[in-house]
Amino acid sequence: MGTRFQNTVRIQGAMLLVLAASMLIPFIQAVYYHENSSARAFAIVLLVCLSFGLIIRQFCKPSREKMKVRDGFLVVSVSWLLCSVIGALPFWLSGAIPSAADAFFESCSGFTTTGASILTDIEAMPNSLLFWRSFTHWLGGMGIVVFVMALLPVLGISGQIAANAETPGPTKDKLTAHFSDTARNLYLLYLVFTLAEVLLLKLGGMNFFDAFLHSFGTIGTGGFSNYNNSIAHFDSPYIQIVILLFMILAGTNFNLLYLTMTRKRGLAALLRDEENRFYLAIIGAATLLVFAANQVFSHFQDPLRSLLDSAFQIVSIITTTGYMTADYDLWPTFSKMVLLCLFFFGGSSSSTSGGVKCVRVLICLKLIRRSFSLRLHPNRIVPITLNDTELPTEVVIKITNFVLTYIAVIFVGTLLVSVDNLDFISTFSAVATCVGNIGPGFHLLGPTCNFSILSDFSTVVCGFLMLAGRLELITVFALFSRYYWNSNKTK
C-alpha cells in the first residue's frame, strides 16, 4: 500500500473511532426517551464504526514516509465523504428518513454546517436524532480532520498538511510550534464559546436540550433547529440577540480571537485587522440598507423589532448559519437582493463560516481598484496589501482562481439541478446556498420551506456541492485531475 493510501486508511480508522464515540450521547438519549428504532440504529452504526476503527488501528501502521500535500487532498476528501455517509445511517436505519438520498443530504448538511433540510416536520423527529443532527454541526464546524488531529496526535501523520487541505485559504496561522497543540487550543476556545452560549440561552428561558442544539448550530454556523420555524419559535428578543452576537463571534477569525483572549494581542489588534473591519462593516451597512428598505416599502410597525430582524437575517446569511426569525422571502425585492449578494461573502478566514470568505472579497475589490488606478496611471506600481503587508502574486492568483471556480461551480450546479424544472430563483438559490453552506434559499426553497421537493438526483448533487463548498472546491476537484494521479509528481 502506497503512502497516500496507507495514511488515508489510518486516518479513516481514527475517524470511525471518533464517530463511534460521538454517537454514544444520542444513543443514551434514545434509550432514555424509549426511542427504540433510533437506539437500535445508533447501536448498529456505533458498533460497526468501533469494530472497523479498531481493526484499522491495529493492522494499519503509520507510514515512515512523510505525508505530501496532495496526500492531504485525498485524506480530507475521503474523510468528509465517509463522515457524511456514516452520519446518514442513523436517520436511514431508524426509518426517520426512509430515502437514502435524503438521509445523505441531511447528514452532508449537518457536517458541512449548511443547515439546509429535507424534513417537512422537524418537531416530529425523535429527540436523539435531532441531537445527532445538530451535533454534526459542532463536529464539522472547525473541521473533522482538525478535530481528529486534536484528539489523536499520536496518529503519526502531519496534521498541518491535512488541515491545509481541509481549510485552504489566503491566511492561516499556527498558534504553536506543533499543529496538534494549535488544534487543541482552538477547540478549547470553541468549547468555551459553546458552553457560554448554552448558559446564556438557558438564562433566557430555553431548556438545556434546546440550548445545546441551538448553540451547536450557532458556534458551528450550521443553523439546524429542532423547531419548524427556527428561532422565531421562541419569540424572544433576548434569545435573538444572544444568538446574533455568537453568530458574529463564530464568523470571526478564531486565531485572532484566541490571541486576543489569551492577551498575546490586545483588543486593538482585533479591531485593526483589515478583514475583521471589512466583515463588521458589511454587516453594519447591509443591516442599515435592509432596515431602511423594509421600513420604506413594507411599513413595518415596530422599528426596533424590524431592526433586530434585519440584523439577525443579515448576520445569519453572511456567517452562513441559516437561522431565521422572519420570512425574508416576503421582504421587498431590494432587501432580498442584499441578502442574495451576501451569499457570495461568507465570514472571516479561519472561522467556522462557509462561503467565499470576506478576505477574498476584500482582495478582489482591491484588484478592481488597482485596475482603475493602472488605467489612469499605467506606470504606477500598486501592490495588493493586507494588514500593511504586500501579498505575493501567487496568493493573489490563487484567490482569483478560487473566486472564478466558485462562480463556475454554481453555474454548473444550477444547470444540473435545473433538470427538476423548478423556477430559476429556486434552482439558483438552492445551488448557491449549498456551495456556500448557507442553508435556506429563496422562493420554493426559502426560509419557511425545505429541500424535500428536489428529486433524488438533485438531492445527491446538492449533497456533493455542500461537501465541495465546505472543502473550498480545490481540495475535491483536484482529485479529478489526471495530474493528481501522476506518480511522477512528488508534492
Protein backbone atom coordinates (compact mmCIF):
# COMPACT_ATOMS: atom_id res chain seq x y z
CA MET A 1 0.00 0.00 0.00
CA GLY A 2 1.40 3.40 -1.00
CA THR A 3 1.99 6.17 1.50
CA ARG A 4 -1.03 8.07 0.21
CA PHE A 5 -3.47 5.22 0.74
CA GLN A 6 -1.88 3.97 3.95
CA ASN A 7 -2.21 7.36 5.61
CA THR A 8 -5.72 7.74 4.24
CA VAL A 9 -6.86 4.38 5.64
CA ARG A 10 -5.21 5.07 9.01
CA ILE A 11 -6.96 8.41 9.42
CA GLN A 12 -10.28 6.84 8.41
CA GLY A 13 -9.79 4.34 11.23
CA ALA A 14 -9.38 7.21 13.67
CA MET A 15 -12.38 8.92 12.11
CA LEU A 16 -14.52 5.82 12.70
CA LEU A 17 -13.49 5.73 16.36
CA VAL A 18 -14.39 9.40 16.82
CA LEU A 19 -17.76 8.86 15.12
CA ALA A 20 -18.44 5.87 17.37
CA ALA A 21 -17.66 7.96 20.46
CA SER A 22 -19.80 10.84 19.14
CA MET A 23 -22.83 8.58 18.75
CA LEU A 24 -22.72 7.48 22.38
CA ILE A 25 -24.63 10.57 23.57
CA PRO A 26 -27.56 10.28 21.11
CA PHE A 27 -27.63 6.50 21.76
CA ILE A 28 -28.03 7.12 25.50
CA GLN A 29 -30.71 9.71 24.74
CA ALA A 30 -32.57 7.24 22.53
CA VAL A 31 -32.55 4.67 25.34
CA TYR A 32 -33.65 7.29 27.89
CA TYR A 33 -36.54 8.55 25.72
CA HIS A 34 -37.52 4.96 24.76
CA GLU A 35 -36.88 5.70 21.08
CA ASN A 36 -36.30 2.06 20.25
CA SER A 37 -35.78 2.33 16.49
CA SER A 38 -33.29 5.18 16.96
CA ALA A 39 -31.47 3.33 19.75
CA ARG A 40 -31.17 0.25 17.55
CA ALA A 41 -29.87 2.32 14.62
CA PHE A 42 -27.27 4.12 16.73
CA ALA A 43 -26.17 0.84 18.35
CA ILE A 44 -25.62 -0.83 14.96
CA VAL A 45 -23.67 2.08 13.47
CA LEU A 46 -21.70 2.64 16.67
CA LEU A 47 -20.58 -1.00 16.91
CA VAL A 48 -19.66 -1.19 13.22
CA CYS A 49 -17.61 2.03 13.44
CA LEU A 50 -15.91 0.85 16.62
CA SER A 51 -15.06 -2.58 15.18
CA PHE A 52 -13.65 -1.35 11.89
CA GLY A 53 -11.85 1.54 13.60
CA LEU A 54 -10.05 -0.80 16.00
CA ILE A 55 -9.16 -3.24 13.20
CA ILE A 56 -7.64 -0.46 11.11
CA ARG A 57 -5.74 0.96 14.09
CA GLN A 58 -4.37 -2.50 14.86
CA PHE A 59 -3.28 -3.62 11.40
CA CYS A 60 -2.56 -0.36 9.52
CA LYS A 61 0.61 1.16 10.94
CA PRO A 62 1.86 4.71 10.23
CA SER A 63 3.97 5.10 7.11
CA ARG A 64 7.57 6.14 7.63
CA GLU A 65 7.42 8.37 4.58
CA LYS A 66 6.47 12.00 5.06
CA MET A 67 2.95 12.92 4.05
CA LYS A 68 2.79 15.08 0.91
CA VAL A 69 0.47 17.99 0.14
CA ARG A 70 -1.56 16.04 -2.40
CA ASP A 71 -1.96 13.19 0.14
CA GLY A 72 -3.83 15.69 2.29
CA PHE A 73 -6.36 16.25 -0.50
CA LEU A 74 -7.25 12.56 -0.60
CA VAL A 75 -7.30 12.16 3.19
CA VAL A 76 -9.61 15.10 3.72
CA SER A 77 -11.99 14.39 0.83
CA VAL A 78 -12.42 10.72 1.81
CA SER A 79 -12.83 11.68 5.49
CA TRP A 80 -15.67 14.10 4.82
CA LEU A 81 -17.43 11.72 2.46
CA LEU A 82 -17.08 8.87 4.98
CA CYS A 83 -18.48 11.00 7.81
CA SER A 84 -21.42 12.13 5.67
CA VAL A 85 -22.28 8.55 4.72
CA ILE A 86 -21.84 7.18 8.27
CA GLY A 87 -23.74 10.14 9.71
CA ALA A 88 -26.68 9.40 7.42
CA LEU A 89 -27.08 5.80 8.60
CA PRO A 90 -28.92 6.51 11.91
CA PHE A 91 -31.51 8.59 10.00
CA TRP A 92 -31.99 5.87 7.40
CA LEU A 93 -31.79 2.74 9.56
CA SER A 94 -34.22 4.16 12.12
CA GLY A 95 -36.76 4.85 9.38
CA ALA A 96 -36.99 8.53 10.33
CA ILE A 97 -35.74 9.42 6.83
CA PRO A 98 -36.71 6.48 4.57
CA SER A 99 -34.88 7.77 1.48
CA ALA A 100 -31.13 7.08 1.41
CA ALA A 101 -30.59 10.16 -0.78
CA ASP A 102 -32.46 12.37 1.69
CA ALA A 103 -30.56 10.91 4.66
CA PHE A 104 -27.26 11.58 2.86
CA PHE A 105 -28.38 15.16 2.15
CA GLU A 106 -29.33 15.76 5.80
CA SER A 107 -26.02 14.33 7.01
CA CYS A 108 -23.99 16.36 4.49
CA SER A 109 -25.91 19.46 5.51
CA GLY A 110 -25.09 18.77 9.15
CA PHE A 111 -21.36 18.07 8.87
CA THR A 112 -20.75 20.84 6.33
CA THR A 113 -22.73 23.23 8.58
CA THR A 114 -25.04 24.14 5.71
CA GLY A 115 -28.31 23.80 7.61
CA ALA A 116 -30.50 23.03 4.59
CA SER A 117 -33.03 20.31 5.34
CA ILE A 118 -35.37 17.90 3.59
CA LEU A 119 -37.51 17.46 6.73
CA THR A 120 -41.08 18.69 6.41
CA ASP A 121 -41.91 18.28 10.11
CA ILE A 122 -38.79 18.68 12.23
CA GLU A 123 -40.67 18.56 15.54
CA ALA A 124 -41.92 15.03 14.76
CA MET A 125 -38.34 13.68 14.74
CA PRO A 126 -37.05 11.67 17.74
CA ASN A 127 -35.02 13.75 20.20
CA SER A 128 -31.93 11.57 19.82
CA LEU A 129 -31.87 12.10 16.04
CA LEU A 130 -32.43 15.85 16.48
CA PHE A 131 -29.45 15.92 18.85
CA TRP A 132 -27.27 13.96 16.40
CA ARG A 133 -28.42 16.20 13.55
CA SER A 134 -27.26 19.34 15.40
CA PHE A 135 -24.17 17.74 16.93
CA THR A 136 -22.83 17.10 13.43
CA HIS A 137 -22.68 20.91 13.08
CA TRP A 138 -20.39 21.11 16.08
CA LEU A 139 -18.20 18.27 14.82
CA GLY A 140 -17.86 19.77 11.35
CA GLY A 141 -17.64 23.43 12.33
CA MET A 142 -13.89 23.60 12.95
CA GLY A 143 -13.11 20.73 10.59
CA ILE A 144 -13.49 16.99 11.12
CA VAL A 145 -9.85 16.17 10.39
CA VAL A 146 -8.67 19.02 12.64
CA PHE A 147 -10.89 17.61 15.38
CA VAL A 148 -9.40 14.14 14.99
CA MET A 149 -5.86 15.53 14.97
CA ALA A 150 -6.57 17.48 18.15
CA LEU A 151 -7.81 14.32 19.88
CA LEU A 152 -5.35 11.82 18.42
CA PRO A 153 -1.97 13.50 17.73
CA VAL A 154 -0.31 10.09 18.03
CA LEU A 155 -1.52 9.18 14.55
CA GLY A 156 1.97 9.83 13.29
CA ILE A 157 0.68 11.86 10.35
CA SER A 158 1.28 15.53 9.62
CA GLY A 159 -1.81 17.33 10.87
CA GLN A 160 -0.81 20.62 9.29
CA ILE A 161 -0.88 19.18 5.76
CA ALA A 162 -4.32 17.67 6.36
CA ALA A 163 -5.57 20.94 7.84
CA ASN A 164 -4.26 22.91 4.87
CA ALA A 165 -6.27 20.67 2.58
CA GLU A 166 -9.36 20.89 4.80
CA THR A 167 -9.37 24.65 5.34
CA PRO A 168 -7.43 26.22 2.46
CA GLY A 169 -7.36 29.99 2.35
CA PRO A 170 -5.17 33.05 1.96
CA THR A 171 -4.48 33.38 5.72
CA LYS A 172 -3.79 30.58 8.12
CA ASP A 173 -1.53 30.86 11.16
CA LYS A 174 -0.19 28.30 13.57
CA LEU A 175 -0.53 29.48 17.16
CA THR A 176 2.08 26.99 18.42
CA ALA A 177 5.03 25.07 17.00
CA HIS A 178 3.04 21.82 16.88
CA PHE A 179 -0.19 21.66 14.93
CA SER A 180 -1.88 19.32 17.42
CA ASP A 181 -1.33 21.94 20.15
CA THR A 182 -2.81 24.64 17.89
CA ALA A 183 -5.83 22.45 17.18
CA ARG A 184 -6.39 21.76 20.89
CA ASN A 185 -6.13 25.46 21.76
CA LEU A 186 -8.68 26.41 19.10
CA TYR A 187 -11.05 23.61 20.13
CA LEU A 188 -10.79 24.72 23.75
CA LEU A 189 -11.90 28.19 22.66
CA TYR A 190 -14.63 26.58 20.54
CA LEU A 191 -15.86 24.63 23.58
CA VAL A 192 -15.78 27.71 25.83
CA PHE A 193 -17.90 29.69 23.35
CA THR A 194 -20.36 26.80 23.08
CA LEU A 195 -20.81 26.43 26.83
CA ALA A 196 -21.07 30.19 27.30
CA GLU A 197 -23.90 30.37 24.78
CA VAL A 198 -25.64 27.38 26.38
CA LEU A 199 -25.68 29.15 29.74
CA LEU A 200 -26.89 32.45 28.29
CA LEU A 201 -29.68 30.73 26.35
CA LYS A 202 -30.67 28.83 29.49
CA LEU A 203 -30.94 32.16 31.31
CA GLY A 204 -33.26 33.29 28.51
CA GLY A 205 -35.74 30.52 29.24
CA MET A 206 -34.55 27.68 26.99
CA ASN A 207 -34.23 24.20 28.42
CA PHE A 208 -30.78 22.61 28.24
CA PHE A 209 -31.71 20.39 25.30
CA ASP A 210 -32.78 23.36 23.17
CA ALA A 211 -29.84 25.44 24.40
CA PHE A 212 -27.27 22.83 23.39
CA LEU A 213 -28.84 22.21 19.98
CA HIS A 214 -29.00 25.90 19.11
CA SER A 215 -25.50 26.52 20.46
CA PHE A 216 -24.17 23.73 18.24
CA GLY A 217 -25.88 25.41 15.29
CA THR A 218 -24.64 28.89 16.20
CA ILE A 219 -20.98 28.25 17.03
CA GLY A 220 -20.69 25.77 14.15
CA THR A 221 -22.60 28.27 11.93
CA GLY A 222 -24.88 25.42 10.90
CA GLY A 223 -28.41 26.58 11.61
CA PHE A 224 -30.29 23.36 12.35
CA SER A 225 -33.11 23.96 14.84
CA ASN A 226 -35.41 21.42 16.44
CA TYR A 227 -38.41 23.63 15.65
CA ASN A 228 -40.15 24.11 12.31
CA ASN A 229 -40.00 27.90 12.48
CA SER A 230 -36.40 28.05 13.74
CA ILE A 231 -35.53 30.85 16.19
CA ALA A 232 -38.88 32.54 15.56
CA HIS A 233 -40.37 29.75 17.69
CA PHE A 234 -39.12 31.42 20.88
CA ASP A 235 -40.38 34.93 20.06
CA SER A 236 -37.74 36.33 22.42
CA PRO A 237 -35.60 39.40 21.61
CA TYR A 238 -33.13 38.28 24.32
CA ILE A 239 -32.57 34.87 22.71
CA GLN A 240 -32.37 36.50 19.30
CA ILE A 241 -29.68 38.96 20.47
CA VAL A 242 -27.63 36.23 22.19
CA ILE A 243 -27.62 34.06 19.07
CA LEU A 244 -26.91 37.08 16.85
CA LEU A 245 -23.82 38.04 18.90
CA PHE A 246 -22.48 34.48 18.95
CA MET A 247 -23.04 34.16 15.19
CA ILE A 248 -20.86 37.26 14.71
CA LEU A 249 -18.27 35.69 17.03
CA ALA A 250 -18.35 32.37 15.14
CA GLY A 251 -17.81 34.22 11.85
CA THR A 252 -14.68 35.94 13.20
CA ASN A 253 -11.15 34.62 12.70
CA PHE A 254 -10.61 32.16 15.56
CA ASN A 255 -6.86 32.69 15.51
CA LEU A 256 -7.38 36.38 16.19
CA LEU A 257 -9.93 35.64 18.89
CA TYR A 258 -7.58 33.19 20.60
CA LEU A 259 -4.66 35.63 20.56
CA THR A 260 -6.91 38.40 21.86
CA MET A 261 -8.44 36.33 24.67
CA THR A 262 -5.06 34.97 25.80
CA ARG A 263 -3.72 38.56 25.76
CA LYS A 264 -0.99 37.71 23.29
CA ARG A 265 -2.50 40.51 21.25
CA GLY A 266 -4.68 43.32 22.51
CA LEU A 267 -8.24 44.10 21.51
CA ALA A 268 -6.84 46.83 19.29
CA ALA A 269 -5.17 44.17 17.08
CA LEU A 270 -8.57 42.55 16.52
CA LEU A 271 -10.06 45.89 15.52
CA ARG A 272 -7.08 46.76 13.31
CA ASP A 273 -7.34 43.57 11.26
CA GLU A 274 -8.46 44.56 7.76
CA GLU A 275 -10.60 41.50 7.15
CA ASN A 276 -12.36 41.85 10.51
CA ARG A 277 -13.09 45.52 9.90
CA PHE A 278 -14.45 44.69 6.44
CA TYR A 279 -16.57 41.85 7.88
CA LEU A 280 -18.13 44.12 10.53
CA ALA A 281 -18.59 46.98 8.06
CA ILE A 282 -20.52 44.73 5.66
CA ILE A 283 -22.78 43.57 8.50
CA GLY A 284 -23.44 47.16 9.57
CA ALA A 285 -24.02 48.54 6.07
CA ALA A 286 -26.23 45.63 4.94
CA THR A 287 -28.32 45.84 8.13
CA LEU A 288 -29.00 49.55 7.64
CA LEU A 289 -29.88 49.07 3.96
CA VAL A 290 -32.31 46.22 4.66
CA PHE A 291 -33.84 48.01 7.65
CA ALA A 292 -34.38 51.18 5.60
CA ALA A 293 -35.92 49.25 2.69
CA ASN A 294 -38.21 47.30 4.99
CA GLN A 295 -39.38 50.45 6.71
CA VAL A 296 -39.98 52.36 3.46
CA PHE A 297 -41.52 49.65 1.30
CA SER A 298 -43.16 47.35 3.83
CA HIS A 299 -44.13 49.87 6.54
CA PHE A 300 -43.10 47.70 9.49
CA GLN A 301 -44.99 48.84 12.59
CA ASP A 302 -42.26 48.21 15.17
CA PRO A 303 -38.95 49.84 14.11
CA LEU A 304 -36.89 48.22 16.88
CA ARG A 305 -38.17 44.73 16.07
CA SER A 306 -37.65 45.41 12.37
CA LEU A 307 -34.06 46.48 13.04
CA LEU A 308 -33.40 43.36 15.11
CA ASP A 309 -34.92 41.07 12.47
CA SER A 310 -32.91 42.81 9.73
CA ALA A 311 -29.66 42.47 11.68
CA PHE A 312 -30.38 38.84 12.56
CA GLN A 313 -31.05 37.76 8.98
CA ILE A 314 -28.02 39.69 7.67
CA VAL A 315 -25.69 38.07 10.22
CA SER A 316 -27.29 34.66 9.71
CA ILE A 317 -26.65 34.81 5.95
CA ILE A 318 -23.15 36.33 5.95
CA THR A 319 -21.93 33.89 8.60
CA THR A 320 -23.67 31.09 6.63
CA THR A 321 -25.57 30.00 9.75
CA GLY A 322 -29.06 29.95 8.28
CA TYR A 323 -31.21 30.57 11.36
CA MET A 324 -34.27 32.73 10.81
CA THR A 325 -36.62 34.91 12.80
CA ALA A 326 -38.64 36.24 9.85
CA ASP A 327 -39.68 35.08 6.39
CA TYR A 328 -37.36 37.27 4.32
CA ASP A 329 -38.98 35.92 1.15
CA LEU A 330 -41.82 38.35 1.93
CA TRP A 331 -39.45 41.32 2.22
CA PRO A 332 -39.08 43.96 -0.53
CA THR A 333 -37.06 42.96 -3.60
CA PHE A 334 -34.22 45.32 -2.63
CA SER A 335 -33.85 43.61 0.77
CA LYS A 336 -33.81 40.18 -0.87
CA MET A 337 -31.15 41.34 -3.32
CA VAL A 338 -28.95 42.48 -0.43
CA LEU A 339 -29.32 39.02 1.14
CA LEU A 340 -28.56 37.34 -2.19
CA CYS A 341 -25.36 39.41 -2.53
CA LEU A 342 -24.29 38.20 0.92
CA PHE A 343 -24.48 34.62 -0.41
CA PHE A 344 -21.13 35.45 -2.06
CA PHE A 345 -19.38 36.81 1.03
CA GLY A 346 -19.20 34.45 4.00
CA GLY A 347 -17.43 35.09 7.29
CA SER A 348 -13.75 35.56 8.05
CA SER A 349 -10.97 33.14 7.21
CA SER A 350 -10.16 30.62 9.97
CA SER A 351 -13.74 30.82 11.22
CA THR A 352 -16.49 28.21 11.15
CA SER A 353 -18.31 30.10 8.37
CA GLY A 354 -18.56 28.91 4.79
CA GLY A 355 -18.81 30.98 1.63
CA VAL A 356 -16.12 32.78 -0.32
CA LYS A 357 -14.75 34.44 2.86
CA CYS A 358 -14.53 38.18 3.41
CA VAL A 359 -10.76 38.30 2.92
CA ARG A 360 -11.07 37.01 -0.65
CA VAL A 361 -13.84 39.50 -1.45
CA LEU A 362 -11.72 42.29 0.03
CA ILE A 363 -8.70 41.35 -2.06
CA CYS A 364 -10.83 41.10 -5.21
CA LEU A 365 -12.14 44.63 -4.53
CA LYS A 366 -8.55 45.80 -4.14
CA LEU A 367 -7.73 44.21 -7.50
CA ILE A 368 -10.60 46.10 -9.11
CA ARG A 369 -9.41 49.34 -7.52
CA ARG A 370 -5.89 48.69 -8.78
CA SER A 371 -7.17 48.11 -12.32
CA PHE A 372 -8.78 51.58 -12.28
CA SER A 373 -5.58 53.11 -10.93
CA LEU A 374 -3.42 51.46 -13.59
CA ARG A 375 -5.79 52.63 -16.33
CA LEU A 376 -5.21 56.20 -15.22
CA HIS A 377 -1.52 55.78 -14.33
CA PRO A 378 -0.08 52.86 -16.37
CA ASN A 379 3.44 53.18 -14.92
CA ARG A 380 2.35 53.28 -11.33
CA ILE A 381 3.25 50.37 -9.02
CA VAL A 382 0.21 49.42 -6.96
CA PRO A 383 0.83 46.39 -4.71
CA ILE A 384 -2.03 44.40 -3.19
CA THR A 385 -1.66 44.53 0.58
CA LEU A 386 -3.41 43.01 3.57
CA ASN A 387 -2.76 44.48 7.02
CA ASP A 388 0.03 46.61 5.52
CA THR A 389 1.79 43.51 4.18
CA GLU A 390 2.20 43.02 0.44
CA LEU A 391 0.65 39.81 -0.77
CA PRO A 392 2.74 37.61 -3.08
CA THR A 393 1.48 37.44 -6.65
CA GLU A 394 0.96 33.69 -6.24
CA VAL A 395 -1.51 34.27 -3.38
CA VAL A 396 -3.47 36.86 -5.37
CA ILE A 397 -3.66 34.49 -8.36
CA LYS A 398 -4.91 31.65 -6.13
CA ILE A 399 -7.63 33.89 -4.71
CA THR A 400 -8.72 34.98 -8.18
CA ASN A 401 -8.76 31.38 -9.39
CA PHE A 402 -10.85 30.33 -6.38
CA VAL A 403 -13.46 33.04 -6.94
CA LEU A 404 -13.75 32.16 -10.64
CA THR A 405 -14.02 28.45 -9.81
CA TYR A 406 -16.66 29.22 -7.18
CA ILE A 407 -18.80 31.07 -9.72
CA ALA A 408 -18.30 28.34 -12.34
CA VAL A 409 -19.35 25.59 -9.89
CA ILE A 410 -22.54 27.48 -9.05
CA PHE A 411 -23.46 27.79 -12.73
CA VAL A 412 -22.69 24.12 -13.48
CA GLY A 413 -24.61 23.06 -10.37
CA THR A 414 -27.57 25.22 -11.40
CA LEU A 415 -27.53 23.51 -14.81
CA LEU A 416 -27.62 20.06 -13.18
CA VAL A 417 -30.36 20.88 -10.67
CA SER A 418 -32.43 22.60 -13.37
CA VAL A 419 -33.50 19.11 -14.56
CA ASP A 420 -36.08 19.28 -11.75
CA ASN A 421 -37.75 22.07 -13.74
CA LEU A 422 -38.20 24.40 -10.75
CA ASP A 423 -38.23 28.16 -11.30
CA PHE A 424 -34.86 29.85 -11.82
CA ILE A 425 -34.72 31.69 -8.47
CA SER A 426 -35.39 28.50 -6.51
CA THR A 427 -32.88 26.49 -8.56
CA PHE A 428 -30.11 29.10 -8.49
CA SER A 429 -30.51 29.86 -4.78
CA ALA A 430 -30.55 26.12 -3.94
CA VAL A 431 -27.16 25.63 -5.57
CA ALA A 432 -25.69 28.90 -4.25
CA THR A 433 -26.77 28.11 -0.70
CA CYS A 434 -25.33 24.57 -0.89
CA VAL A 435 -21.97 25.62 -2.34
CA GLY A 436 -21.74 28.44 0.21
CA ASN A 437 -23.00 26.21 3.07
CA ILE A 438 -25.61 28.86 3.90
CA GLY A 439 -28.88 26.95 4.45
CA PRO A 440 -32.13 28.49 3.20
CA GLY A 441 -32.57 29.81 -0.32
CA PHE A 442 -35.39 31.76 -1.94
CA HIS A 443 -38.92 31.12 -3.17
CA LEU A 444 -39.71 27.36 -3.12
CA LEU A 445 -36.58 26.76 -1.02
CA GLY A 446 -36.93 29.84 1.15
CA PRO A 447 -36.68 30.14 4.95
CA THR A 448 -40.12 28.64 5.61
CA CYS A 449 -39.71 25.83 3.04
CA ASN A 450 -37.34 22.88 2.69
CA PHE A 451 -35.45 20.85 0.10
CA SER A 452 -37.83 17.88 0.07
CA ILE A 453 -39.20 18.99 -3.33
CA LEU A 454 -35.91 18.08 -5.02
CA SER A 455 -35.57 14.78 -6.89
CA ASP A 456 -33.14 12.14 -5.61
CA PHE A 457 -30.70 13.16 -8.36
CA SER A 458 -30.74 16.84 -7.38
CA THR A 459 -30.64 15.93 -3.69
CA VAL A 460 -27.41 13.94 -4.16
CA VAL A 461 -25.93 16.66 -6.40
CA CYS A 462 -26.65 19.27 -3.71
CA GLY A 463 -25.11 16.97 -1.10
CA PHE A 464 -21.85 16.75 -3.04
CA LEU A 465 -21.94 20.51 -3.68
CA MET A 466 -22.12 21.06 0.07
CA LEU A 467 -19.07 18.85 0.58
CA ALA A 468 -17.15 20.58 -2.23
CA GLY A 469 -18.08 24.00 -0.88
CA ARG A 470 -17.06 23.10 2.69
CA LEU A 471 -13.65 21.94 1.44
CA GLU A 472 -13.40 25.09 -0.70
CA LEU A 473 -13.65 23.31 -4.06
CA ILE A 474 -9.98 22.82 -5.00
CA THR A 475 -9.41 20.03 -2.46
CA VAL A 476 -12.20 17.95 -4.01
CA PHE A 477 -11.82 18.82 -7.69
CA ALA A 478 -8.06 18.22 -7.62
CA LEU A 479 -8.82 14.51 -7.23
CA PHE A 480 -10.46 14.52 -10.67
CA SER A 481 -7.35 15.86 -12.34
CA ARG A 482 -5.01 13.45 -14.15
CA TYR A 483 -2.08 15.46 -12.78
CA TYR A 484 -3.05 14.46 -9.25
CA TRP A 485 -2.69 10.74 -10.03
CA ASN A 486 0.60 11.22 -11.92
CA SER A 487 3.10 9.14 -9.92
CA ASN A 488 5.98 11.29 -11.17
CA LYS A 489 4.71 14.23 -9.10
CA THR A 490 6.34 14.45 -5.68
CA LYS A 491 4.35 17.16 -3.92
